[in-house]
Amino acid sequence: MTDRWTVLLWGDEDMWENASPEVQERAMGEHGAFSEACEQRGYRILGGDELGFSKNSVTVQRPEDGELTITEGPYVELAEHLGGYYVIETDDVQGLARLAGEHLLTDGGGIELRPTVVHDA
């Protein structure tokens, strides 16, 4: 059975927001190269997206004994934020980790590969 992994891409939002068009274009090119390399290795990309800035997020919370609260902005203040993700099927998570590191860490940041729980419908 092939495992499903969510590849979480962490980085500095301020750096990305202030990046030149050339830096942004280079980063997008790396994502294209990553997608092509996944296909060549038989890793199946099921989806993924770039996420908007955390400052534009909406947070919903409900303490065990409290009222529902909805606030604008991120849940916590962090130096690095989740900037995007891929969902990929593969039996070779170590190979996927190496490939992601080779293509997606050109400007710093970090990557977390987390197993995705698939519930049968």
N, C-alpha and C. Protein backbone atom coordinates (compact mmCIF):
# COMPACT_ATOMS: atom_id res chain seq x y z
N MET A 1 0.83 -1.18 0.00
CA MET A 1 0.00 0.00 0.00
C MET A 1 0.88 1.25 0.00
N THR A 2 0.55 2.20 -0.81
CA THR A 2 1.29 3.45 -0.90
C THR A 2 0.84 4.39 0.20
N ASP A 3 1.80 5.03 0.86
CA ASP A 3 1.49 5.98 1.92
C ASP A 3 1.25 7.36 1.35
N ARG A 4 0.46 8.13 2.05
CA ARG A 4 0.18 9.51 1.66
C ARG A 4 0.87 10.42 2.68
N TRP A 5 1.61 11.40 2.15
CA TRP A 5 2.36 12.33 2.99
C TRP A 5 1.97 13.76 2.66
N THR A 6 1.85 14.59 3.69
CA THR A 6 1.66 16.01 3.49
C THR A 6 3.00 16.68 3.74
N VAL A 7 3.48 17.39 2.74
CA VAL A 7 4.76 18.08 2.81
C VAL A 7 4.45 19.53 3.17
N LEU A 8 4.81 19.93 4.39
CA LEU A 8 4.53 21.27 4.89
C LEU A 8 5.76 22.15 4.69
N LEU A 9 5.57 23.29 4.07
CA LEU A 9 6.66 24.19 3.73
C LEU A 9 6.65 25.40 4.67
N TRP A 10 7.69 25.52 5.48
CA TRP A 10 7.81 26.59 6.46
C TRP A 10 8.81 27.62 5.98
N GLY A 11 8.54 28.89 6.26
CA GLY A 11 9.48 29.92 5.88
C GLY A 11 9.17 31.26 6.52
N ASP A 12 9.99 32.23 6.17
CA ASP A 12 9.90 33.58 6.69
C ASP A 12 8.99 34.39 5.78
N GLU A 13 7.80 34.72 6.26
CA GLU A 13 6.84 35.47 5.45
C GLU A 13 7.37 36.85 5.07
N ASP A 14 8.08 37.50 5.98
CA ASP A 14 8.61 38.84 5.68
C ASP A 14 9.58 38.79 4.51
N MET A 15 10.42 37.74 4.49
CA MET A 15 11.37 37.58 3.38
C MET A 15 10.61 37.42 2.07
N TRP A 16 9.58 36.58 2.08
CA TRP A 16 8.82 36.31 0.85
C TRP A 16 8.05 37.55 0.41
N GLU A 17 7.45 38.25 1.36
CA GLU A 17 6.66 39.44 1.02
C GLU A 17 7.54 40.53 0.41
N ASN A 18 8.81 40.59 0.83
CA ASN A 18 9.73 41.61 0.34
C ASN A 18 10.66 41.11 -0.76
N ALA A 19 10.48 39.87 -1.21
CA ALA A 19 11.36 39.29 -2.23
C ALA A 19 11.14 39.98 -3.57
N SER A 20 12.20 40.10 -4.30
CA SER A 20 12.11 40.69 -5.64
C SER A 20 11.36 39.74 -6.57
N PRO A 21 10.83 40.25 -7.67
CA PRO A 21 10.17 39.37 -8.64
C PRO A 21 11.10 38.26 -9.13
N GLU A 22 12.38 38.55 -9.22
CA GLU A 22 13.34 37.53 -9.68
C GLU A 22 13.45 36.39 -8.67
N VAL A 23 13.50 36.73 -7.39
CA VAL A 23 13.58 35.71 -6.34
C VAL A 23 12.30 34.88 -6.32
N GLN A 24 11.16 35.54 -6.44
CA GLN A 24 9.89 34.82 -6.45
C GLN A 24 9.79 33.91 -7.68
N GLU A 25 10.23 34.39 -8.81
CA GLU A 25 10.19 33.59 -10.03
C GLU A 25 11.10 32.37 -9.91
N ARG A 26 12.29 32.56 -9.33
CA ARG A 26 13.21 31.44 -9.13
C ARG A 26 12.59 30.39 -8.21
N ALA A 27 11.94 30.83 -7.13
CA ALA A 27 11.31 29.90 -6.20
C ALA A 27 10.18 29.12 -6.89
N MET A 28 9.39 29.79 -7.70
CA MET A 28 8.31 29.10 -8.41
C MET A 28 8.89 28.10 -9.41
N GLY A 29 10.02 28.45 -10.01
CA GLY A 29 10.70 27.52 -10.91
C GLY A 29 11.14 26.27 -10.17
N GLU A 30 11.59 26.44 -8.94
CA GLU A 30 12.00 25.28 -8.14
C GLU A 30 10.80 24.38 -7.84
N HIS A 31 9.64 24.98 -7.62
CA HIS A 31 8.44 24.16 -7.40
C HIS A 31 8.10 23.37 -8.66
N GLY A 32 8.25 23.99 -9.81
CA GLY A 32 8.02 23.27 -11.06
C GLY A 32 8.99 22.12 -11.23
N ALA A 33 10.27 22.37 -10.91
CA ALA A 33 11.29 21.31 -11.01
C ALA A 33 11.00 20.19 -10.01
N PHE A 34 10.55 20.56 -8.82
CA PHE A 34 10.19 19.55 -7.81
C PHE A 34 9.05 18.68 -8.32
N SER A 35 8.04 19.29 -8.89
CA SER A 35 6.89 18.53 -9.43
C SER A 35 7.33 17.57 -10.52
N GLU A 36 8.20 18.04 -11.41
CA GLU A 36 8.70 17.18 -12.49
C GLU A 36 9.53 16.03 -11.92
N ALA A 37 10.36 16.31 -10.94
CA ALA A 37 11.19 15.26 -10.34
C ALA A 37 10.32 14.24 -9.61
N CYS A 38 9.26 14.69 -8.95
CA CYS A 38 8.33 13.75 -8.30
C CYS A 38 7.73 12.81 -9.34
N GLU A 39 7.29 13.37 -10.45
CA GLU A 39 6.69 12.56 -11.51
C GLU A 39 7.70 11.53 -12.03
N GLN A 40 8.95 11.96 -12.25
CA GLN A 40 9.98 11.06 -12.76
C GLN A 40 10.26 9.90 -11.80
N ARG A 41 10.13 10.15 -10.51
CA ARG A 41 10.41 9.11 -9.51
C ARG A 41 9.18 8.30 -9.14
N GLY A 42 8.03 8.63 -9.71
CA GLY A 42 6.82 7.89 -9.44
C GLY A 42 6.09 8.33 -8.18
N TYR A 43 6.46 9.50 -7.64
CA TYR A 43 5.73 10.06 -6.50
C TYR A 43 4.52 10.79 -7.08
N ARG A 44 3.36 10.45 -6.59
CA ARG A 44 2.12 11.01 -7.14
C ARG A 44 1.66 12.22 -6.32
N ILE A 45 1.70 13.41 -6.92
CA ILE A 45 1.23 14.61 -6.24
C ILE A 45 -0.30 14.66 -6.37
N LEU A 46 -0.97 14.64 -5.23
CA LEU A 46 -2.43 14.67 -5.21
C LEU A 46 -2.99 16.08 -5.10
N GLY A 47 -2.17 17.01 -4.64
CA GLY A 47 -2.62 18.39 -4.51
C GLY A 47 -1.60 19.22 -3.78
N GLY A 48 -1.91 20.47 -3.61
CA GLY A 48 -1.05 21.39 -2.90
C GLY A 48 -1.36 22.82 -3.30
N ASP A 49 -0.96 23.74 -2.46
CA ASP A 49 -1.19 25.15 -2.74
C ASP A 49 -0.21 26.01 -1.96
N GLU A 50 0.00 27.21 -2.48
CA GLU A 50 0.68 28.25 -1.71
C GLU A 50 -0.37 28.86 -0.80
N LEU A 51 0.00 29.15 0.44
CA LEU A 51 -0.92 29.76 1.38
C LEU A 51 -0.68 31.26 1.45
N GLY A 52 -1.73 32.01 1.71
CA GLY A 52 -1.61 33.45 1.91
C GLY A 52 -0.90 33.74 3.23
N PHE A 53 -0.60 35.00 3.46
CA PHE A 53 0.13 35.40 4.66
C PHE A 53 -0.72 35.19 5.91
N SER A 54 -0.05 34.79 6.99
CA SER A 54 -0.75 34.50 8.24
C SER A 54 -1.44 35.74 8.81
N LYS A 55 -0.92 36.92 8.50
CA LYS A 55 -1.55 38.15 9.01
C LYS A 55 -2.98 38.32 8.46
N ASN A 56 -3.31 37.61 7.39
CA ASN A 56 -4.64 37.68 6.80
C ASN A 56 -5.53 36.51 7.23
N SER A 57 -5.06 35.71 8.18
CA SER A 57 -5.83 34.54 8.59
C SER A 57 -6.94 34.91 9.57
N VAL A 58 -7.82 33.99 9.78
CA VAL A 58 -8.89 34.09 10.77
C VAL A 58 -8.75 32.87 11.68
N THR A 59 -8.77 33.10 12.98
CA THR A 59 -8.58 32.03 13.95
C THR A 59 -9.88 31.80 14.72
N VAL A 60 -10.25 30.54 14.86
CA VAL A 60 -11.46 30.16 15.58
C VAL A 60 -11.04 29.30 16.77
N GLN A 61 -11.51 29.68 17.96
CA GLN A 61 -11.19 28.92 19.17
C GLN A 61 -12.42 28.79 20.05
N ARG A 62 -12.43 27.71 20.84
CA ARG A 62 -13.46 27.54 21.86
C ARG A 62 -12.82 26.79 23.03
N PRO A 63 -12.56 27.50 24.12
CA PRO A 63 -12.07 26.81 25.32
C PRO A 63 -13.12 25.81 25.80
N GLU A 64 -12.70 24.83 26.55
CA GLU A 64 -13.64 23.80 27.01
C GLU A 64 -14.85 24.39 27.72
N ASP A 65 -14.65 25.43 28.48
CA ASP A 65 -15.75 26.00 29.26
C ASP A 65 -16.15 27.40 28.79
N GLY A 66 -15.84 27.71 27.53
CA GLY A 66 -16.07 29.08 27.09
C GLY A 66 -16.86 29.22 25.81
N GLU A 67 -16.95 30.46 25.40
CA GLU A 67 -17.65 30.83 24.18
C GLU A 67 -16.73 30.71 22.97
N LEU A 68 -17.32 30.52 21.84
CA LEU A 68 -16.60 30.51 20.57
C LEU A 68 -16.05 31.91 20.30
N THR A 69 -14.77 32.00 19.93
CA THR A 69 -14.19 33.29 19.57
C THR A 69 -13.61 33.20 18.17
N ILE A 70 -13.81 34.24 17.41
CA ILE A 70 -13.26 34.34 16.06
C ILE A 70 -12.47 35.63 16.02
N THR A 71 -11.17 35.51 15.70
CA THR A 71 -10.30 36.69 15.67
C THR A 71 -9.54 36.74 14.36
N GLU A 72 -9.16 37.93 13.98
CA GLU A 72 -8.33 38.10 12.78
C GLU A 72 -6.87 37.93 13.17
N GLY A 73 -6.13 37.25 12.32
CA GLY A 73 -4.71 37.06 12.55
C GLY A 73 -4.39 35.64 12.92
N PRO A 74 -3.09 35.34 13.00
CA PRO A 74 -2.65 33.97 13.24
C PRO A 74 -2.93 33.51 14.67
N TYR A 75 -2.90 32.22 14.86
CA TYR A 75 -3.12 31.60 16.18
C TYR A 75 -2.00 31.98 17.14
N VAL A 76 -0.76 31.93 16.65
CA VAL A 76 0.41 32.31 17.45
C VAL A 76 1.36 33.12 16.59
N GLU A 77 2.18 33.91 17.22
CA GLU A 77 3.22 34.65 16.52
C GLU A 77 4.45 33.74 16.40
N LEU A 78 4.94 33.57 15.20
CA LEU A 78 6.07 32.70 14.94
C LEU A 78 7.08 33.40 14.05
N ALA A 79 8.33 32.96 14.12
CA ALA A 79 9.34 33.48 13.20
C ALA A 79 9.13 32.90 11.81
N GLU A 80 8.69 31.64 11.74
CA GLU A 80 8.42 30.99 10.47
C GLU A 80 6.95 30.60 10.42
N HIS A 81 6.38 30.65 9.24
CA HIS A 81 4.97 30.32 9.05
C HIS A 81 4.81 29.28 7.97
N LEU A 82 3.71 28.58 8.03
CA LEU A 82 3.38 27.61 7.00
C LEU A 82 3.03 28.38 5.74
N GLY A 83 3.80 28.15 4.67
CA GLY A 83 3.61 28.91 3.45
C GLY A 83 2.97 28.13 2.32
N GLY A 84 2.91 26.82 2.47
CA GLY A 84 2.32 26.00 1.42
C GLY A 84 2.45 24.53 1.77
N TYR A 85 1.89 23.72 0.91
CA TYR A 85 1.92 22.28 1.16
C TYR A 85 1.72 21.51 -0.14
N TYR A 86 2.15 20.27 -0.12
CA TYR A 86 1.86 19.28 -1.15
C TYR A 86 1.28 18.06 -0.45
N VAL A 87 0.43 17.32 -1.12
CA VAL A 87 -0.01 16.01 -0.66
C VAL A 87 0.47 15.01 -1.70
N ILE A 88 1.30 14.07 -1.25
CA ILE A 88 2.00 13.18 -2.18
C ILE A 88 1.88 11.73 -1.72
N GLU A 89 1.64 10.84 -2.66
CA GLU A 89 1.65 9.40 -2.39
C GLU A 89 2.99 8.82 -2.78
N THR A 90 3.61 8.09 -1.86
CA THR A 90 4.87 7.43 -2.14
C THR A 90 5.15 6.36 -1.09
N ASP A 91 5.92 5.37 -1.46
CA ASP A 91 6.43 4.37 -0.52
C ASP A 91 7.83 4.75 -0.05
N ASP A 92 8.39 5.82 -0.58
CA ASP A 92 9.78 6.20 -0.32
C ASP A 92 9.84 7.59 0.32
N VAL A 93 9.46 7.67 1.60
CA VAL A 93 9.43 8.98 2.26
C VAL A 93 10.82 9.58 2.41
N GLN A 94 11.84 8.76 2.59
CA GLN A 94 13.20 9.30 2.71
C GLN A 94 13.66 9.92 1.40
N GLY A 95 13.33 9.27 0.29
CA GLY A 95 13.65 9.82 -1.02
C GLY A 95 12.88 11.11 -1.27
N LEU A 96 11.61 11.13 -0.87
CA LEU A 96 10.80 12.33 -1.00
C LEU A 96 11.38 13.47 -0.17
N ALA A 97 11.83 13.16 1.04
CA ALA A 97 12.43 14.18 1.91
C ALA A 97 13.69 14.77 1.27
N ARG A 98 14.54 13.91 0.73
CA ARG A 98 15.76 14.39 0.06
C ARG A 98 15.41 15.26 -1.14
N LEU A 99 14.46 14.81 -1.94
CA LEU A 99 14.06 15.55 -3.13
C LEU A 99 13.49 16.92 -2.75
N ALA A 100 12.64 16.95 -1.74
CA ALA A 100 12.07 18.23 -1.29
C ALA A 100 13.17 19.16 -0.80
N GLY A 101 14.11 18.64 -0.06
CA GLY A 101 15.21 19.46 0.44
C GLY A 101 16.08 20.01 -0.68
N GLU A 102 16.30 19.20 -1.71
CA GLU A 102 17.12 19.64 -2.84
C GLU A 102 16.45 20.75 -3.64
N HIS A 103 15.13 20.72 -3.75
CA HIS A 103 14.41 21.66 -4.61
C HIS A 103 13.75 22.82 -3.87
N LEU A 104 13.34 22.61 -2.63
CA LEU A 104 12.45 23.57 -2.00
C LEU A 104 13.09 24.35 -0.84
N LEU A 105 14.37 24.16 -0.59
CA LEU A 105 15.04 24.88 0.49
C LEU A 105 16.10 25.84 -0.04
N THR A 106 15.90 26.39 -1.21
CA THR A 106 16.92 27.25 -1.81
C THR A 106 17.05 28.58 -1.08
N ASP A 107 16.02 29.05 -0.40
CA ASP A 107 16.07 30.33 0.31
C ASP A 107 15.82 30.16 1.80
N GLY A 108 16.24 29.05 2.37
CA GLY A 108 16.04 28.82 3.79
C GLY A 108 14.68 28.20 4.06
N GLY A 109 14.24 28.33 5.30
CA GLY A 109 12.98 27.74 5.69
C GLY A 109 13.15 26.31 6.13
N GLY A 110 12.08 25.59 6.19
CA GLY A 110 12.12 24.21 6.63
C GLY A 110 10.97 23.44 6.00
N ILE A 111 11.08 22.14 6.07
CA ILE A 111 10.06 21.25 5.51
C ILE A 111 9.74 20.19 6.55
N GLU A 112 8.47 19.92 6.73
CA GLU A 112 8.02 18.83 7.58
C GLU A 112 7.19 17.89 6.73
N LEU A 113 7.53 16.61 6.74
CA LEU A 113 6.73 15.61 6.05
C LEU A 113 5.93 14.86 7.12
N ARG A 114 4.63 14.94 7.00
CA ARG A 114 3.77 14.33 8.01
C ARG A 114 2.87 13.32 7.34
N PRO A 115 2.76 12.11 7.93
CA PRO A 115 1.85 11.13 7.33
C PRO A 115 0.43 11.65 7.37
N THR A 116 -0.29 11.41 6.29
CA THR A 116 -1.68 11.84 6.19
C THR A 116 -2.57 10.66 6.52
N VAL A 117 -3.51 10.87 7.41
CA VAL A 117 -4.46 9.80 7.79
C VAL A 117 -5.58 9.80 6.77
N VAL A 118 -5.78 8.66 6.15
CA VAL A 118 -6.84 8.51 5.15
C VAL A 118 -7.92 7.62 5.76
N HIS A 119 -9.11 8.17 5.88
CA HIS A 119 -10.26 7.42 6.39
C HIS A 119 -11.06 6.90 5.22
N ASP A 120 -11.39 5.63 5.25
CA ASP A 120 -12.23 5.06 4.21
C ASP A 120 -13.63 5.64 4.35
N ALA A 121 -14.22 6.02 3.22
CA ALA A 121 -15.56 6.62 3.25
C ALA A 121 -16.62 5.57 3.44
